[in-house]
Amino acid sequence: MTALKLKLIKYLATKNNQSNSAFTLVELIVVVVIIGILSSIAIPSFQNASDKAKQKEPATLLASYTKAAQAYFTEYSMNARSSQDLGQYISVTGCRNNNPSYCKTNTAYDHTSRSSTSWFSPSGYFQVYMQQSGTRTLFRALPTGQYSNAGYGVSACYNSSTGATKVVERTVKGRGVPNINC
């Protein structure tokens, strides 16, 4: 019987010395609240960075278009009027519509052989507009479709009288993208 009492005392003594390593409900709630606060800060920052990354596509396209317009003027002594004129120096392609998921699964449409002054970017997030104003060839890429109020537009210009080119990435979201002077 003494051996049994000794085992029982030993068991109870070691049981009390073992630490309980569980979390309380309050600790779990605090952790969840902290994660929520961090998420509310990080997600908008990520979304803004994602929108700015999408803006790089039309900025690159418009820079290429202004260089093609410059080359066209150098060769023909007149401003490029359409995608067909630009197409002599650069491939002008785009999506058939403003649906990015459609654009990911379908081949780009070639505007090089068409006399277009407006077309969608290859990703479908932007619509590119080309126009003449005196000695300037102007380009604007406006966010379109579901992205029209969330995207940042881009403006570009080539001035044939001065030879200046300029590309400006907008810092305000939406379709209110003015033409620029160069």
C-alpha atoms as a PDB file:
ATOM      1  CA  MET A   1       0.000   0.000   0.000  1.00  0.00           C
ATOM      2  CA  THR A   2       2.903   2.333   0.699  1.00  0.00           C
ATOM      3  CA  ALA A   3       4.201   1.768  -2.793  1.00  0.00           C
ATOM      4  CA  LEU A   4       0.835   2.793  -4.179  1.00  0.00           C
ATOM      5  CA  LYS A   5       0.757   5.932  -2.007  1.00  0.00           C
ATOM      6  CA  LEU A   6       4.266   6.804  -3.134  1.00  0.00           C
ATOM      7  CA  LYS A   7       3.322   6.431  -6.782  1.00  0.00           C
ATOM      8  CA  LEU A   8       0.226   8.564  -6.243  1.00  0.00           C
ATOM      9  CA  ILE A   9       2.214  11.294  -4.471  1.00  0.00           C
ATOM     10  CA  LYS A  10       4.890  11.191  -7.175  1.00  0.00           C
ATOM     11  CA  TYR A  11       2.246  11.421  -9.900  1.00  0.00           C
ATOM     12  CA  LEU A  12       0.494  14.383  -8.266  1.00  0.00           C
ATOM     13  CA  ALA A  13       3.808  16.157  -7.670  1.00  0.00           C
ATOM     14  CA  THR A  14       4.892  15.836 -11.296  1.00  0.00           C
ATOM     15  CA  LYS A  15       1.433  16.744 -12.578  1.00  0.00           C
ATOM     16  CA  ASN A  16       1.526  20.101 -10.771  1.00  0.00           C
ATOM     17  CA  ASN A  17       5.049  20.841 -12.040  1.00  0.00           C
ATOM     18  CA  GLN A  18       4.035  20.419 -15.686  1.00  0.00           C
ATOM     19  CA  SER A  19       3.172  23.742 -17.285  1.00  0.00           C
ATOM     20  CA  ASN A  20       0.005  24.129 -19.293  1.00  0.00           C
ATOM     21  CA  SER A  21       0.964  25.448 -22.729  1.00  0.00           C
ATOM     22  CA  ALA A  22      -2.425  26.419 -24.116  1.00  0.00           C
ATOM     23  CA  PHE A  23      -3.600  29.860 -25.306  1.00  0.00           C
ATOM     24  CA  THR A  24      -6.435  31.636 -23.615  1.00  0.00           C
ATOM     25  CA  LEU A  25      -9.360  32.990 -25.590  1.00  0.00           C
ATOM     26  CA  VAL A  26      -8.240  36.559 -24.877  1.00  0.00           C
ATOM     27  CA  GLU A  27      -4.774  35.878 -26.318  1.00  0.00           C
ATOM     28  CA  LEU A  28      -6.304  34.407 -29.476  1.00  0.00           C
ATOM     29  CA  ILE A  29      -8.623  37.407 -29.898  1.00  0.00           C
ATOM     30  CA  VAL A  30      -5.681  39.813 -29.508  1.00  0.00           C
ATOM     31  CA  VAL A  31      -3.726  37.949 -32.207  1.00  0.00           C
ATOM     32  CA  VAL A  32      -6.708  37.993 -34.593  1.00  0.00           C
ATOM     33  CA  VAL A  33      -7.199  41.746 -34.038  1.00  0.00           C
ATOM     34  CA  ILE A  34      -3.503  42.425 -34.720  1.00  0.00           C
ATOM     35  CA  ILE A  35      -3.643  40.387 -37.943  1.00  0.00           C
ATOM     36  CA  GLY A  36      -6.771  42.309 -38.981  1.00  0.00           C
ATOM     37  CA  ILE A  37      -5.094  45.665 -38.408  1.00  0.00           C
ATOM     38  CA  LEU A  38      -2.002  44.645 -40.371  1.00  0.00           C
ATOM     39  CA  SER A  39      -4.179  43.352 -43.221  1.00  0.00           C
ATOM     40  CA  SER A  40      -6.157  46.577 -43.388  1.00  0.00           C
ATOM     41  CA  ILE A  41      -2.880  48.441 -43.853  1.00  0.00           C
ATOM     42  CA  ALA A  42      -1.173  46.029 -46.256  1.00  0.00           C
ATOM     43  CA  ILE A  43      -4.001  45.171 -48.672  1.00  0.00           C
ATOM     44  CA  PRO A  44      -4.661  48.748 -49.928  1.00  0.00           C
ATOM     45  CA  SER A  45      -0.912  49.288 -50.346  1.00  0.00           C
ATOM     46  CA  PHE A  46      -0.656  46.107 -52.373  1.00  0.00           C
ATOM     47  CA  GLN A  47      -3.656  47.103 -54.518  1.00  0.00           C
ATOM     48  CA  ASN A  48      -2.131  50.514 -55.220  1.00  0.00           C
ATOM     49  CA  ALA A  49       1.191  48.894 -56.176  1.00  0.00           C
ATOM     50  CA  SER A  50      -0.665  46.496 -58.461  1.00  0.00           C
ATOM     51  CA  ASP A  51      -2.465  49.389 -60.196  1.00  0.00           C
ATOM     52  CA  LYS A  52       0.809  51.280 -60.688  1.00  0.00           C
ATOM     53  CA  ALA A  53       2.405  48.136 -62.148  1.00  0.00           C
ATOM     54  CA  LYS A  54      -0.433  47.877 -64.685  1.00  0.00           C
ATOM     55  CA  GLN A  55       0.317  51.485 -65.691  1.00  0.00           C
ATOM     56  CA  LYS A  56       3.773  50.462 -66.938  1.00  0.00           C
ATOM     57  CA  GLU A  57       2.275  48.648 -69.955  1.00  0.00           C
ATOM     58  CA  PRO A  58       0.721  51.745 -71.577  1.00  0.00           C
ATOM     59  CA  ALA A  59       3.681  53.926 -70.564  1.00  0.00           C
ATOM     60  CA  THR A  60       5.999  51.603 -72.487  1.00  0.00           C
ATOM     61  CA  LEU A  61       3.593  51.395 -75.442  1.00  0.00           C
ATOM     62  CA  LEU A  62       3.147  55.172 -75.679  1.00  0.00           C
ATOM     63  CA  ALA A  63       6.908  55.742 -75.485  1.00  0.00           C
ATOM     64  CA  SER A  64       7.300  53.339 -78.429  1.00  0.00           C
ATOM     65  CA  TYR A  65       4.488  55.037 -80.350  1.00  0.00           C
ATOM     66  CA  THR A  66       6.079  58.483 -79.932  1.00  0.00           C
ATOM     67  CA  LYS A  67       9.395  57.133 -81.239  1.00  0.00           C
ATOM     68  CA  ALA A  68       7.576  55.581 -84.217  1.00  0.00           C
ATOM     69  CA  ALA A  69       5.803  58.909 -84.865  1.00  0.00           C
ATOM     70  CA  GLN A  70       9.190  60.624 -84.755  1.00  0.00           C
ATOM     71  CA  ALA A  71      10.636  58.129 -87.253  1.00  0.00           C
ATOM     72  CA  TYR A  72       7.601  58.566 -89.530  1.00  0.00           C
ATOM     73  CA  PHE A  73       8.052  62.351 -89.534  1.00  0.00           C
ATOM     74  CA  THR A  74      11.773  61.994 -90.232  1.00  0.00           C
ATOM     75  CA  GLU A  75      11.083  59.842 -93.294  1.00  0.00           C
ATOM     76  CA  TYR A  76       7.919  61.468 -94.714  1.00  0.00           C
ATOM     77  CA  SER A  77       8.086  65.064 -93.349  1.00  0.00           C
ATOM     78  CA  MET A  78       4.519  64.749 -92.061  1.00  0.00           C
ATOM     79  CA  ASN A  79       2.937  63.569 -88.828  1.00  0.00           C
ATOM     80  CA  ALA A  80       1.746  60.003 -88.399  1.00  0.00           C
ATOM     81  CA  ARG A  81      -2.056  59.930 -88.514  1.00  0.00           C
ATOM     82  CA  SER A  82      -2.957  56.371 -87.537  1.00  0.00           C
ATOM     83  CA  SER A  83      -1.772  52.958 -86.404  1.00  0.00           C
ATOM     84  CA  GLN A  84      -1.011  52.148 -90.044  1.00  0.00           C
ATOM     85  CA  ASP A  85       1.567  54.958 -90.190  1.00  0.00           C
ATOM     86  CA  LEU A  86       3.102  53.863 -86.881  1.00  0.00           C
ATOM     87  CA  GLY A  87       3.063  50.261 -88.117  1.00  0.00           C
ATOM     88  CA  GLN A  88       5.875  50.981 -90.556  1.00  0.00           C
ATOM     89  CA  TYR A  89       8.226  51.191 -87.559  1.00  0.00           C
ATOM     90  CA  ILE A  90       6.591  49.235 -84.755  1.00  0.00           C
ATOM     91  CA  SER A  91       4.025  46.490 -84.368  1.00  0.00           C
ATOM     92  CA  VAL A  92       0.747  48.024 -83.178  1.00  0.00           C
ATOM     93  CA  THR A  93      -1.225  45.234 -81.534  1.00  0.00           C
ATOM     94  CA  GLY A  94      -4.001  45.156 -79.009  1.00  0.00           C
ATOM     95  CA  CYS A  95      -6.841  43.177 -77.558  1.00  0.00           C
ATOM     96  CA  ARG A  96     -10.124  43.039 -79.459  1.00  0.00           C
ATOM     97  CA  ASN A  97     -12.042  44.298 -76.409  1.00  0.00           C
ATOM     98  CA  ASN A  98     -11.563  45.698 -72.920  1.00  0.00           C
ATOM     99  CA  ASN A  99     -11.913  42.424 -71.033  1.00  0.00           C
ATOM    100  CA  PRO A 100      -8.546  41.419 -69.505  1.00  0.00           C
ATOM    101  CA  SER A 101      -9.596  37.785 -69.015  1.00  0.00           C
ATOM    102  CA  TYR A 102     -10.522  37.613 -72.734  1.00  0.00           C
ATOM    103  CA  CYS A 103      -7.186  39.185 -73.656  1.00  0.00           C
ATOM    104  CA  LYS A 104      -5.210  36.599 -71.661  1.00  0.00           C
ATOM    105  CA  THR A 105      -6.688  33.692 -73.613  1.00  0.00           C
ATOM    106  CA  ASN A 106      -6.897  35.176 -77.131  1.00  0.00           C
ATOM    107  CA  THR A 107      -4.241  36.361 -79.543  1.00  0.00           C
ATOM    108  CA  ALA A 108      -3.632  40.075 -79.960  1.00  0.00           C
ATOM    109  CA  TYR A 109      -5.261  41.908 -82.860  1.00  0.00           C
ATOM    110  CA  ASP A 110      -2.892  43.540 -85.363  1.00  0.00           C
ATOM    111  CA  HIS A 111      -3.731  47.216 -85.944  1.00  0.00           C
ATOM    112  CA  THR A 112      -0.647  47.754 -88.128  1.00  0.00           C
ATOM    113  CA  SER A 113      -2.527  47.216 -91.390  1.00  0.00           C
ATOM    114  CA  ARG A 114      -5.572  49.244 -90.264  1.00  0.00           C
ATOM    115  CA  SER A 115      -5.973  52.972 -90.148  1.00  0.00           C
ATOM    116  CA  SER A 116      -6.991  53.056 -86.468  1.00  0.00           C
ATOM    117  CA  THR A 117      -6.824  56.057 -84.156  1.00  0.00           C
ATOM    118  CA  SER A 118      -8.116  54.122 -81.149  1.00  0.00           C
ATOM    119  CA  TRP A 119      -7.376  50.596 -79.929  1.00  0.00           C
ATOM    120  CA  PHE A 120      -7.169  48.563 -76.727  1.00  0.00           C
ATOM    121  CA  SER A 121      -3.822  47.693 -75.166  1.00  0.00           C
ATOM    122  CA  PRO A 122      -2.721  44.040 -75.417  1.00  0.00           C
ATOM    123  CA  SER A 123      -3.763  43.458 -71.792  1.00  0.00           C
ATOM    124  CA  GLY A 124      -7.191  45.061 -72.326  1.00  0.00           C
ATOM    125  CA  TYR A 125      -6.844  47.323 -69.289  1.00  0.00           C
ATOM    126  CA  PHE A 126      -6.367  50.505 -71.371  1.00  0.00           C
ATOM    127  CA  GLN A 127      -7.740  52.121 -74.504  1.00  0.00           C
ATOM    128  CA  VAL A 128      -5.168  54.038 -76.544  1.00  0.00           C
ATOM    129  CA  TYR A 129      -6.204  57.186 -78.420  1.00  0.00           C
ATOM    130  CA  MET A 130      -4.099  58.897 -81.097  1.00  0.00           C
ATOM    131  CA  GLN A 131      -4.807  62.375 -82.476  1.00  0.00           C
ATOM    132  CA  GLN A 132      -3.180  65.333 -84.237  1.00  0.00           C
ATOM    133  CA  SER A 133      -3.044  68.867 -82.887  1.00  0.00           C
ATOM    134  CA  GLY A 134      -1.004  71.193 -85.090  1.00  0.00           C
ATOM    135  CA  THR A 135       2.559  69.878 -85.129  1.00  0.00           C
ATOM    136  CA  ARG A 136       1.916  67.488 -82.245  1.00  0.00           C
ATOM    137  CA  THR A 137       0.975  63.829 -82.333  1.00  0.00           C
ATOM    138  CA  LEU A 138      -0.835  63.077 -79.082  1.00  0.00           C
ATOM    139  CA  PHE A 139      -1.443  59.745 -77.392  1.00  0.00           C
ATOM    140  CA  ARG A 140      -3.545  58.937 -74.347  1.00  0.00           C
ATOM    141  CA  ALA A 141      -4.022  55.568 -72.661  1.00  0.00           C
ATOM    142  CA  LEU A 142      -7.157  55.576 -70.521  1.00  0.00           C
ATOM    143  CA  PRO A 143      -8.082  52.835 -68.080  1.00  0.00           C
ATOM    144  CA  THR A 144     -11.139  51.024 -69.363  1.00  0.00           C
ATOM    145  CA  GLY A 145     -13.878  48.590 -68.419  1.00  0.00           C
ATOM    146  CA  GLN A 146     -13.940  47.365 -64.844  1.00  0.00           C
ATOM    147  CA  TYR A 147     -10.589  49.105 -64.349  1.00  0.00           C
ATOM    148  CA  SER A 148     -11.737  52.566 -65.551  1.00  0.00           C
ATOM    149  CA  ASN A 149     -12.060  54.152 -62.091  1.00  0.00           C
ATOM    150  CA  ALA A 150      -9.204  52.230 -60.458  1.00  0.00           C
ATOM    151  CA  GLY A 151      -6.452  52.668 -63.051  1.00  0.00           C
ATOM    152  CA  TYR A 152      -3.866  55.354 -63.710  1.00  0.00           C
ATOM    153  CA  GLY A 153      -3.768  56.738 -67.259  1.00  0.00           C
ATOM    154  CA  VAL A 154      -0.804  57.824 -69.372  1.00  0.00           C
ATOM    155  CA  SER A 155      -0.325  60.735 -71.823  1.00  0.00           C
ATOM    156  CA  ALA A 156       2.353  61.090 -74.490  1.00  0.00           C
ATOM    157  CA  CYS A 157       3.285  63.643 -77.112  1.00  0.00           C
ATOM    158  CA  TYR A 158       5.611  64.066 -80.089  1.00  0.00           C
ATOM    159  CA  ASN A 159       6.166  67.591 -81.419  1.00  0.00           C
ATOM    160  CA  SER A 160       7.459  67.495 -84.996  1.00  0.00           C
ATOM    161  CA  SER A 161       8.546  71.156 -84.990  1.00  0.00           C
ATOM    162  CA  THR A 162      10.845  70.764 -81.962  1.00  0.00           C
ATOM    163  CA  GLY A 163      11.533  67.013 -82.072  1.00  0.00           C
ATOM    164  CA  ALA A 164      10.511  66.721 -78.412  1.00  0.00           C
ATOM    165  CA  THR A 165       8.848  63.619 -77.016  1.00  0.00           C
ATOM    166  CA  LYS A 166       7.260  63.314 -73.617  1.00  0.00           C
ATOM    167  CA  VAL A 167       5.454  60.579 -71.661  1.00  0.00           C
ATOM    168  CA  VAL A 168       3.612  61.370 -68.416  1.00  0.00           C
ATOM    169  CA  GLU A 169       2.205  58.759 -66.049  1.00  0.00           C
ATOM    170  CA  ARG A 170      -0.825  60.125 -64.199  1.00  0.00           C
ATOM    171  CA  THR A 171      -0.973  60.051 -60.405  1.00  0.00           C
ATOM    172  CA  VAL A 172      -4.767  60.358 -60.164  1.00  0.00           C
ATOM    173  CA  LYS A 173      -6.998  57.348 -60.788  1.00  0.00           C
ATOM    174  CA  GLY A 174      -9.715  57.423 -63.445  1.00  0.00           C
ATOM    175  CA  ARG A 175     -10.278  58.337 -67.080  1.00  0.00           C
ATOM    176  CA  GLY A 176      -9.631  62.080 -66.668  1.00  0.00           C
ATOM    177  CA  VAL A 177      -6.334  61.990 -68.542  1.00  0.00           C
ATOM    178  CA  PRO A 178      -5.609  65.271 -70.343  1.00  0.00           C
ATOM    179  CA  ASN A 179      -3.418  65.675 -73.403  1.00  0.00           C
ATOM    180  CA  ILE A 180       0.012  67.068 -72.638  1.00  0.00           C
ATOM    181  CA  ASN A 181       2.088  69.710 -74.345  1.00  0.00           C
ATOM    182  CA  CYS A 182       5.589  68.978 -75.566  1.00  0.00           C
END
